[in-house]
Amino acid sequence: MAEKTRYSDAELAEFKELILGKLAKAQKDYELYKNSITLSDGNDTQDTSPTFKVLEEGAATLSKEEAGKLAQRQLKFIQHLQAALIRIENKTFGICRETGKLISKERLRAVPHATLSIEAKNSQK
């Protein structure tokens, strides 16, 4: 039997469902991070004492920085998932960009936006 060179349409549809689920959750998380940065959730220190307010503002700045980093990571993850959806449409999803072989289903279920097989990833180290 010849080695498979790409996943079937049914397999691609299964991966698409998986990615769409992860994408929806990632976008929801991104919105939460974004809202915490802009403080649009309404939790503020306007009604607290001046001493507490100074301490709270310092913590809020640190919290905003952390939320900003998390939001950036989340946005990058969203972009990778969207690129994976494009590869599904092009029927190139699951093909290692280094070896040209199929990436294992187990790896794609764990990391659906992967573009390298485990062997190619390990050879990069």
C-alpha atoms as a PDB file:
ATOM      1  CA  MET A   1       0.000   0.000   0.000  1.00  0.00           C
ATOM      2  CA  ALA A   2       1.328   3.436  -0.950  1.00  0.00           C
ATOM      3  CA  GLU A   3       2.121   5.956   1.759  1.00  0.00           C
ATOM      4  CA  LYS A   4      -0.559   8.620   2.231  1.00  0.00           C
ATOM      5  CA  THR A   5       0.490  12.037   0.976  1.00  0.00           C
ATOM      6  CA  ARG A   6      -2.420  14.016   2.458  1.00  0.00           C
ATOM      7  CA  TYR A   7      -5.377  13.633   4.778  1.00  0.00           C
ATOM      8  CA  SER A   8      -8.795  12.777   3.323  1.00  0.00           C
ATOM      9  CA  ASP A   9     -11.580  15.350   3.149  1.00  0.00           C
ATOM     10  CA  ALA A  10     -13.333  13.599   6.063  1.00  0.00           C
ATOM     11  CA  GLU A  11     -10.168  13.776   8.178  1.00  0.00           C
ATOM     12  CA  LEU A  12      -9.690  17.434   7.240  1.00  0.00           C
ATOM     13  CA  ALA A  13     -13.288  18.143   8.280  1.00  0.00           C
ATOM     14  CA  GLU A  14     -12.580  16.519  11.661  1.00  0.00           C
ATOM     15  CA  PHE A  15      -9.505  18.712  12.140  1.00  0.00           C
ATOM     16  CA  LYS A  16     -11.468  21.780  11.028  1.00  0.00           C
ATOM     17  CA  GLU A  17     -14.055  21.159  13.760  1.00  0.00           C
ATOM     18  CA  LEU A  18     -11.287  20.775  16.334  1.00  0.00           C
ATOM     19  CA  ILE A  19      -9.600  23.990  15.200  1.00  0.00           C
ATOM     20  CA  LEU A  20     -12.855  25.971  15.107  1.00  0.00           C
ATOM     21  CA  GLY A  21     -13.530  24.942  18.717  1.00  0.00           C
ATOM     22  CA  LYS A  22     -10.045  25.992  19.822  1.00  0.00           C
ATOM     23  CA  LEU A  23     -10.346  29.218  17.824  1.00  0.00           C
ATOM     24  CA  ALA A  24     -13.645  30.170  19.489  1.00  0.00           C
ATOM     25  CA  LYS A  25     -12.159  29.595  22.952  1.00  0.00           C
ATOM     26  CA  ALA A  26      -8.952  31.469  22.048  1.00  0.00           C
ATOM     27  CA  GLN A  27     -10.911  34.473  20.770  1.00  0.00           C
ATOM     28  CA  LYS A  28     -13.013  34.529  23.941  1.00  0.00           C
ATOM     29  CA  ASP A  29      -9.846  34.423  26.087  1.00  0.00           C
ATOM     30  CA  TYR A  30      -8.277  37.169  23.963  1.00  0.00           C
ATOM     31  CA  GLU A  31     -11.290  39.413  24.568  1.00  0.00           C
ATOM     32  CA  LEU A  32     -10.990  38.822  28.325  1.00  0.00           C
ATOM     33  CA  TYR A  33      -7.310  39.807  28.264  1.00  0.00           C
ATOM     34  CA  LYS A  34      -8.062  42.850  26.125  1.00  0.00           C
ATOM     35  CA  ASN A  35     -10.842  43.949  28.474  1.00  0.00           C
ATOM     36  CA  SER A  36      -8.606  43.581  31.514  1.00  0.00           C
ATOM     37  CA  ILE A  37      -6.018  45.831  29.846  1.00  0.00           C
ATOM     38  CA  THR A  38      -8.520  48.569  29.041  1.00  0.00           C
ATOM     39  CA  LEU A  39     -10.295  48.106  32.404  1.00  0.00           C
ATOM     40  CA  SER A  40     -13.632  47.983  30.645  1.00  0.00           C
ATOM     41  CA  ASP A  41     -14.882  45.458  33.177  1.00  0.00           C
ATOM     42  CA  GLY A  42     -15.644  48.275  35.634  1.00  0.00           C
ATOM     43  CA  ASN A  43     -13.449  47.141  38.544  1.00  0.00           C
ATOM     44  CA  ASP A  44     -11.572  50.302  39.442  1.00  0.00           C
ATOM     45  CA  THR A  45     -10.093  52.032  42.479  1.00  0.00           C
ATOM     46  CA  GLN A  46     -12.020  55.301  42.128  1.00  0.00           C
ATOM     47  CA  ASP A  47     -13.924  54.815  45.397  1.00  0.00           C
ATOM     48  CA  THR A  48     -11.035  53.681  47.633  1.00  0.00           C
ATOM     49  CA  SER A  49      -8.768  55.627  49.971  1.00  0.00           C
ATOM     50  CA  PRO A  50      -5.746  57.497  48.484  1.00  0.00           C
ATOM     51  CA  THR A  51      -3.148  55.264  50.227  1.00  0.00           C
ATOM     52  CA  PHE A  52      -4.749  52.081  48.990  1.00  0.00           C
ATOM     53  CA  LYS A  53      -5.205  53.616  45.545  1.00  0.00           C
ATOM     54  CA  VAL A  54      -1.429  54.160  45.093  1.00  0.00           C
ATOM     55  CA  LEU A  55      -0.714  50.524  45.953  1.00  0.00           C
ATOM     56  CA  GLU A  56      -3.571  49.343  43.771  1.00  0.00           C
ATOM     57  CA  GLU A  57      -2.381  51.379  40.768  1.00  0.00           C
ATOM     58  CA  GLY A  58       1.084  49.798  41.012  1.00  0.00           C
ATOM     59  CA  ALA A  59      -0.449  46.330  41.034  1.00  0.00           C
ATOM     60  CA  ALA A  60      -2.780  47.317  38.210  1.00  0.00           C
ATOM     61  CA  THR A  61       0.169  48.406  36.052  1.00  0.00           C
ATOM     62  CA  LEU A  62       1.897  45.066  36.591  1.00  0.00           C
ATOM     63  CA  SER A  63      -1.357  43.265  35.941  1.00  0.00           C
ATOM     64  CA  LYS A  64      -1.857  45.227  32.700  1.00  0.00           C
ATOM     65  CA  GLU A  65       1.650  44.284  31.529  1.00  0.00           C
ATOM     66  CA  GLU A  66       1.001  40.613  32.223  1.00  0.00           C
ATOM     67  CA  ALA A  67      -2.400  40.788  30.527  1.00  0.00           C
ATOM     68  CA  GLY A  68      -0.757  42.506  27.549  1.00  0.00           C
ATOM     69  CA  LYS A  69       1.783  39.695  27.187  1.00  0.00           C
ATOM     70  CA  LEU A  70      -0.945  37.083  27.486  1.00  0.00           C
ATOM     71  CA  ALA A  71      -3.069  38.926  24.932  1.00  0.00           C
ATOM     72  CA  GLN A  72      -0.127  39.010  22.485  1.00  0.00           C
ATOM     73  CA  ARG A  73       0.462  35.282  22.905  1.00  0.00           C
ATOM     74  CA  GLN A  74      -3.241  34.585  22.474  1.00  0.00           C
ATOM     75  CA  LEU A  75      -3.392  36.699  19.305  1.00  0.00           C
ATOM     76  CA  LYS A  76      -0.412  34.801  17.868  1.00  0.00           C
ATOM     77  CA  PHE A  77      -2.155  31.506  18.693  1.00  0.00           C
ATOM     78  CA  ILE A  78      -5.329  32.740  16.949  1.00  0.00           C
ATOM     79  CA  GLN A  79      -3.296  33.652  13.854  1.00  0.00           C
ATOM     80  CA  HIS A  80      -1.694  30.182  13.804  1.00  0.00           C
ATOM     81  CA  LEU A  81      -5.122  28.535  14.052  1.00  0.00           C
ATOM     82  CA  GLN A  82      -6.459  30.734  11.235  1.00  0.00           C
ATOM     83  CA  ALA A  83      -3.456  29.767   9.084  1.00  0.00           C
ATOM     84  CA  ALA A  84      -4.224  26.103   9.818  1.00  0.00           C
ATOM     85  CA  LEU A  85      -7.793  26.636   8.563  1.00  0.00           C
ATOM     86  CA  ILE A  86      -6.385  28.078   5.333  1.00  0.00           C
ATOM     87  CA  ARG A  87      -4.153  24.998   4.965  1.00  0.00           C
ATOM     88  CA  ILE A  88      -7.254  22.824   5.410  1.00  0.00           C
ATOM     89  CA  GLU A  89      -9.000  24.719   2.604  1.00  0.00           C
ATOM     90  CA  ASN A  90      -5.884  24.304   0.416  1.00  0.00           C
ATOM     91  CA  LYS A  91      -5.702  20.615   1.398  1.00  0.00           C
ATOM     92  CA  THR A  92      -2.102  21.062   2.567  1.00  0.00           C
ATOM     93  CA  PHE A  93      -2.972  20.700   6.263  1.00  0.00           C
ATOM     94  CA  GLY A  94      -0.956  18.110   8.156  1.00  0.00           C
ATOM     95  CA  ILE A  95       1.955  17.999   5.719  1.00  0.00           C
ATOM     96  CA  CYS A  96       5.332  18.684   7.338  1.00  0.00           C
ATOM     97  CA  ARG A  97       6.977  21.720   5.758  1.00  0.00           C
ATOM     98  CA  GLU A  98      10.447  20.166   6.249  1.00  0.00           C
ATOM     99  CA  THR A  99      10.007  16.518   5.283  1.00  0.00           C
ATOM    100  CA  GLY A 100       6.863  16.673   3.135  1.00  0.00           C
ATOM    101  CA  LYS A 101       5.481  13.693   5.050  1.00  0.00           C
ATOM    102  CA  LEU A 102       2.215  13.597   6.961  1.00  0.00           C
ATOM    103  CA  ILE A 103       2.295  14.832  10.539  1.00  0.00           C
ATOM    104  CA  SER A 104       0.797  12.222  12.877  1.00  0.00           C
ATOM    105  CA  LYS A 105      -2.860  12.602  13.809  1.00  0.00           C
ATOM    106  CA  GLU A 106      -1.923  12.435  17.499  1.00  0.00           C
ATOM    107  CA  ARG A 107       0.365  15.467  17.122  1.00  0.00           C
ATOM    108  CA  LEU A 108      -2.250  17.400  15.138  1.00  0.00           C
ATOM    109  CA  ARG A 109      -4.920  16.673  17.738  1.00  0.00           C
ATOM    110  CA  ALA A 110      -2.616  18.036  20.453  1.00  0.00           C
ATOM    111  CA  VAL A 111      -1.201  20.937  18.378  1.00  0.00           C
ATOM    112  CA  PRO A 112      -3.589  21.467  15.442  1.00  0.00           C
ATOM    113  CA  HIS A 113      -1.583  24.373  14.032  1.00  0.00           C
ATOM    114  CA  ALA A 114       1.646  22.339  13.814  1.00  0.00           C
ATOM    115  CA  THR A 115       3.564  22.591  10.542  1.00  0.00           C
ATOM    116  CA  LEU A 116       6.419  20.261  11.507  1.00  0.00           C
ATOM    117  CA  SER A 117       6.419  16.558  12.285  1.00  0.00           C
ATOM    118  CA  ILE A 118       7.992  15.413  15.544  1.00  0.00           C
ATOM    119  CA  GLU A 119      11.064  14.151  13.660  1.00  0.00           C
ATOM    120  CA  ALA A 120      11.549  17.507  11.906  1.00  0.00           C
ATOM    121  CA  LYS A 121      10.962  19.412  15.159  1.00  0.00           C
ATOM    122  CA  ASN A 122      13.503  17.287  17.010  1.00  0.00           C
ATOM    123  CA  SER A 123      16.125  17.734  14.285  1.00  0.00           C
ATOM    124  CA  GLN A 124      15.926  21.535  14.778  1.00  0.00           C
ATOM    125  CA  LYS A 125      17.305  21.356  18.319  1.00  0.00           C
END
